[in-house]
């Protein structure tokens, strides 16, 4: 899931309900390849299909103006991320034991057969992504919404964005299962500018918004092992 980010260049002065960046989470899909250099370092690269660049805003005050509302528009932005992961720690939560405490007391043998309900490896994630804003209808031309008009201009279709995040790799019995990744990607330059004009009961308003293609992402994945170099080393 992706949550795009935008900002206000020029606010709608006088509208107490105006606020930029009111997106909702959108769907995303990515496919990546990981190569484990050693127990602590992993290189990765792949492709991602999502909507990263756009603008959104809220206008009007619902309690005093029935014309209040929200508006958002976002562009499909495929990207190619490349980066690394660094192992930070292995977390073991909620200790369990296979044998009962009663059996341990009867036999006098200490139970070392310990399980944990939750096991995961915590990793730092960082890298850079190449992004491309796909052409779409309505760009660079005046279009309307319920209470006004919008001029949505793409200033630069290709851009790079560094990203930073955390990866949670869940596992048991030394086998990796699903992984959860949270990351923040920051565009370096403005790629979209939108000029908005709208009408409320209290008057006419205008604002300018921008986007660098930045976003917050929450990703759920499952790793599939294609090749295990450690087995080859053991056989040699």
Protein backbone atom coordinates (compact mmCIF):
# COMPACT_ATOMS: atom_id res chain seq x y z
CA UNK A 1 0.00 0.00 0.00
CA UNK A 2 1.18 3.50 -0.85
CA UNK A 3 0.32 6.85 0.70
CA UNK A 4 1.46 9.67 -1.67
CA UNK A 5 2.56 13.00 -0.22
CA UNK A 6 2.04 16.54 -1.51
CA UNK A 7 2.41 20.06 -0.13
CA UNK A 8 0.99 23.58 -0.45
CA UNK A 9 2.88 26.15 -2.51
CA UNK A 10 0.26 28.87 -2.16
CA UNK A 11 -2.66 28.32 0.28
CA UNK A 12 -6.31 29.20 -0.22
CA UNK A 13 -6.31 32.32 1.96
CA UNK A 14 -9.56 32.79 3.84
CA UNK A 15 -10.76 29.19 3.65
CA UNK A 16 -10.50 27.85 7.21
CA UNK A 17 -11.10 24.29 6.02
CA UNK A 18 -8.33 24.18 3.44
CA UNK A 19 -5.68 21.51 3.99
CA UNK A 20 -3.34 19.72 1.61
CA UNK A 21 -2.31 16.07 1.64
CA UNK A 22 -5.52 14.17 2.37
CA UNK A 23 -4.75 11.06 0.33
CA UNK A 24 -5.89 7.58 1.24
CA UNK A 25 -3.73 4.49 0.89
CA UNK A 26 -3.60 3.08 -2.64
CA UNK A 27 -2.67 -0.38 -3.91
CA UNK A 28 0.86 -1.19 -5.05
CA UNK A 29 2.65 -4.26 -6.37
CA UNK A 30 6.34 -5.00 -6.48
CA UNK A 31 8.65 -7.83 -7.48
CA UNK A 32 12.25 -7.87 -6.23
CA UNK A 33 15.33 -10.08 -6.17
CA UNK A 34 17.48 -10.31 -3.04
CA UNK A 35 21.05 -11.53 -2.76
CA UNK A 36 22.48 -12.25 0.69
CA UNK A 37 26.17 -11.26 0.71
CA UNK A 38 26.68 -12.48 4.29
CA UNK A 39 24.53 -12.95 7.43
CA UNK A 40 24.27 -9.18 7.91
CA UNK A 41 24.08 -7.65 4.41
CA UNK A 42 21.54 -8.14 1.60
CA UNK A 43 21.45 -6.44 -1.81
CA UNK A 44 18.12 -6.10 -3.62
CA UNK A 45 16.57 -4.65 -6.75
CA UNK A 46 13.27 -4.90 -8.57
CA UNK A 47 10.27 -3.19 -10.11
CA UNK A 48 7.27 -1.59 -8.47
CA UNK A 49 3.86 -0.58 -9.84
CA UNK A 50 2.07 2.08 -7.80
CA UNK A 51 0.69 5.63 -7.77
CA UNK A 52 3.31 7.86 -6.14
CA UNK A 53 2.90 11.36 -7.56
CA UNK A 54 -0.19 13.55 -7.23
CA UNK A 55 -2.02 16.18 -5.20
CA UNK A 56 -4.95 16.16 -2.80
CA UNK A 57 -6.68 18.76 -0.64
CA UNK A 58 -9.67 19.41 1.57
CA UNK A 59 -11.74 22.58 1.29
CA UNK A 60 -14.56 24.24 3.20
CA UNK A 61 -15.83 23.68 6.74
CA UNK A 62 -18.52 21.00 6.93
CA UNK A 63 -20.40 22.66 9.80
CA UNK A 64 -20.94 25.97 7.98
CA UNK A 65 -20.76 25.18 4.26
CA UNK A 66 -22.52 22.31 2.50
CA UNK A 67 -20.16 22.70 -0.46
CA UNK A 68 -17.17 21.45 1.49
CA UNK A 69 -15.34 18.42 0.17
CA UNK A 70 -12.10 16.68 -0.75
CA UNK A 71 -10.36 16.16 -4.05
CA UNK A 72 -7.34 14.10 -5.10
CA UNK A 73 -5.64 13.06 -8.30
CA UNK A 74 -2.60 10.83 -8.60
CA UNK A 75 -0.52 9.48 -11.47
CA UNK A 76 0.55 5.91 -12.13
CA UNK A 77 4.29 5.85 -11.42
CA UNK A 78 6.23 2.63 -12.10
CA UNK A 79 9.62 2.58 -10.40
CA UNK A 80 12.85 0.59 -10.15
CA UNK A 81 14.23 0.49 -6.59
CA UNK A 82 17.79 -0.66 -5.82
CA UNK A 83 19.27 -0.81 -2.34
CA UNK A 84 20.53 -2.83 0.60
CA UNK A 85 19.31 -4.27 3.88
CA UNK A 86 21.42 -4.43 7.05
CA UNK A 87 20.55 -6.92 9.80
CA UNK A 88 20.02 -5.12 13.12
CA UNK A 89 18.72 -7.76 15.51
CA UNK A 90 16.77 -11.00 15.90
CA UNK A 91 13.64 -10.58 17.99
CA UNK A 92 12.08 -13.42 20.01
CA UNK A 93 8.66 -12.70 21.52
CA UNK A 94 6.29 -14.79 23.68
CA UNK A 95 8.32 -17.78 24.86
CA UNK A 96 6.68 -21.21 24.62
CA UNK A 97 7.79 -24.71 25.65
CA UNK A 98 6.88 -27.95 23.93
CA UNK A 99 6.94 -30.10 27.06
CA UNK A 100 4.78 -29.28 30.04
CA UNK A 101 6.23 -27.93 33.27
CA UNK A 102 4.61 -30.87 35.13
CA UNK A 103 6.60 -33.42 33.07
CA UNK A 104 9.77 -31.45 33.72
CA UNK A 105 9.18 -31.62 37.48
CA UNK A 106 8.48 -35.38 37.43
CA UNK A 107 11.54 -36.33 35.40
CA UNK A 108 13.81 -33.73 36.93
CA UNK A 109 15.14 -32.93 33.49
CA UNK A 110 15.23 -29.28 32.53
CA UNK A 111 13.28 -28.48 29.39
CA UNK A 112 15.53 -26.77 26.86
CA UNK A 113 13.12 -27.30 23.99
CA UNK A 114 12.00 -23.67 23.73
CA UNK A 115 9.77 -22.16 21.08
CA UNK A 116 8.68 -18.58 20.47
CA UNK A 117 5.31 -17.51 19.15
CA UNK A 118 6.82 -14.58 17.22
CA UNK A 119 10.27 -14.60 15.64
CA UNK A 120 11.54 -11.97 13.25
CA UNK A 121 14.75 -10.40 11.97
CA UNK A 122 14.81 -6.61 12.08
CA UNK A 123 16.66 -4.99 9.16
CA UNK A 124 17.49 -1.46 8.11
CA UNK A 125 16.48 -0.73 4.51
CA UNK A 126 17.94 2.00 2.28
CA UNK A 127 18.47 2.75 -1.39
CA UNK A 128 17.41 4.84 -4.36
CA UNK A 129 14.59 4.45 -6.87
CA UNK A 130 14.17 5.58 -10.47
CA UNK A 131 10.56 6.65 -11.12
CA UNK A 132 8.61 7.52 -14.25
CA UNK A 133 5.23 9.30 -14.30
CA UNK A 134 3.14 7.71 -17.05
CA UNK A 135 1.23 10.08 -19.37
CA UNK A 136 -2.51 10.25 -18.66
CA UNK A 137 -5.57 12.16 -19.82
CA UNK A 138 -6.19 15.46 -18.06
CA UNK A 139 -2.55 16.42 -17.71
CA UNK A 140 -1.48 19.96 -18.57
CA UNK A 141 -5.07 20.98 -19.29
CA UNK A 142 -7.93 22.50 -17.32
CA UNK A 143 -10.34 19.97 -15.82
CA UNK A 144 -13.28 20.33 -13.48
CA UNK A 145 -14.36 18.81 -10.19
CA UNK A 146 -17.53 19.29 -8.10
CA UNK A 147 -16.85 22.86 -6.93
CA UNK A 148 -14.13 24.18 -9.20
CA UNK A 149 -11.36 23.62 -11.72
CA UNK A 150 -7.86 22.17 -11.64
CA UNK A 151 -4.82 22.63 -13.87
CA UNK A 152 -2.60 19.58 -13.28
CA UNK A 153 0.88 20.05 -14.79
CA UNK A 154 3.61 17.39 -14.92
CA UNK A 155 6.92 19.25 -14.85
CA UNK A 156 9.28 16.27 -14.94
CA UNK A 157 8.28 12.68 -15.70
CA UNK A 158 11.56 11.02 -14.70
CA UNK A 159 12.98 11.47 -11.23
CA UNK A 160 15.08 9.76 -8.58
CA UNK A 161 14.07 9.33 -4.95
CA UNK A 162 16.15 7.96 -2.05
CA UNK A 163 14.27 5.80 0.46
CA UNK A 164 14.76 4.57 4.01
CA UNK A 165 12.81 2.06 6.05
CA UNK A 166 12.58 -1.05 8.22
CA UNK A 167 12.08 -4.66 7.17
CA UNK A 168 10.59 -7.33 9.45
CA UNK A 169 11.43 -10.84 8.24
CA UNK A 170 9.32 -13.39 10.16
CA UNK A 171 10.63 -16.96 10.39
CA UNK A 172 10.67 -20.23 12.31
CA UNK A 173 12.73 -23.42 12.14
CA UNK A 174 15.34 -21.37 10.24
CA UNK A 175 12.91 -20.88 7.35
CA UNK A 176 11.81 -17.40 6.28
CA UNK A 177 8.10 -16.69 5.99
CA UNK A 178 6.29 -13.43 5.18
CA UNK A 179 8.01 -10.08 5.56
CA UNK A 180 6.63 -6.65 6.38
CA UNK A 181 8.38 -3.53 5.07
CA UNK A 182 7.72 0.08 6.06
CA UNK A 183 9.56 2.80 4.16
CA UNK A 184 9.60 6.49 3.32
CA UNK A 185 10.66 7.69 -0.14
CA UNK A 186 11.64 11.33 -0.68
CA UNK A 187 11.61 12.92 -4.14
CA UNK A 188 14.41 15.43 -4.69
CA UNK A 189 12.70 17.93 -7.01
CA UNK A 190 9.19 19.10 -7.70
CA UNK A 191 7.64 17.01 -10.47
CA UNK A 192 3.98 18.12 -10.35
CA UNK A 193 2.27 21.47 -9.84
CA UNK A 194 -1.49 21.94 -9.63
CA UNK A 195 -3.43 25.22 -9.66
CA UNK A 196 -6.88 25.01 -8.10
CA UNK A 197 -9.85 27.38 -8.23
CA UNK A 198 -13.05 26.57 -6.34
CA UNK A 199 -16.21 28.20 -5.01
CA UNK A 200 -17.80 28.07 -1.57
CA UNK A 201 -20.74 29.96 -0.06
CA UNK A 202 -18.23 32.37 1.48
CA UNK A 203 -16.55 33.21 -1.84
CA UNK A 204 -14.05 32.11 -4.48
CA UNK A 205 -10.68 30.63 -3.56
CA UNK A 206 -7.52 29.54 -5.29
CA UNK A 207 -4.50 27.51 -4.21
CA UNK A 208 -1.36 25.98 -5.67
CA UNK A 209 -0.08 22.55 -4.68
CA UNK A 210 3.03 20.59 -5.56
CA UNK A 211 4.45 17.08 -5.41
CA UNK A 212 7.98 15.65 -5.45
CA UNK A 213 6.69 12.11 -5.86
CA UNK A 214 7.35 11.34 -2.19
CA UNK A 215 5.34 8.63 -0.43
CA UNK A 216 5.02 6.36 2.59
CA UNK A 217 4.71 2.65 1.83
CA UNK A 218 3.60 -0.43 3.73
CA UNK A 219 4.50 -3.67 1.93
CA UNK A 220 3.66 -7.28 2.72
CA UNK A 221 5.62 -9.97 0.88
CA UNK A 222 6.72 -13.59 0.87
CA UNK A 223 10.27 -14.61 -0.12
CA UNK A 224 10.87 -17.57 -2.44
CA UNK A 225 14.36 -19.07 -2.35
CA UNK A 226 15.66 -19.59 -5.89
CA UNK A 227 19.28 -20.47 -5.14
CA UNK A 228 21.16 -21.31 -1.93
CA UNK A 229 24.89 -20.61 -2.26
CA UNK A 230 25.58 -21.99 1.24
CA UNK A 231 24.72 -25.54 0.12
CA UNK A 232 27.22 -25.28 -2.72
CA UNK A 233 29.94 -24.18 -0.31
CA UNK A 234 29.24 -27.16 1.98
CA UNK A 235 29.45 -29.64 -0.89
CA UNK A 236 32.85 -28.38 -2.03
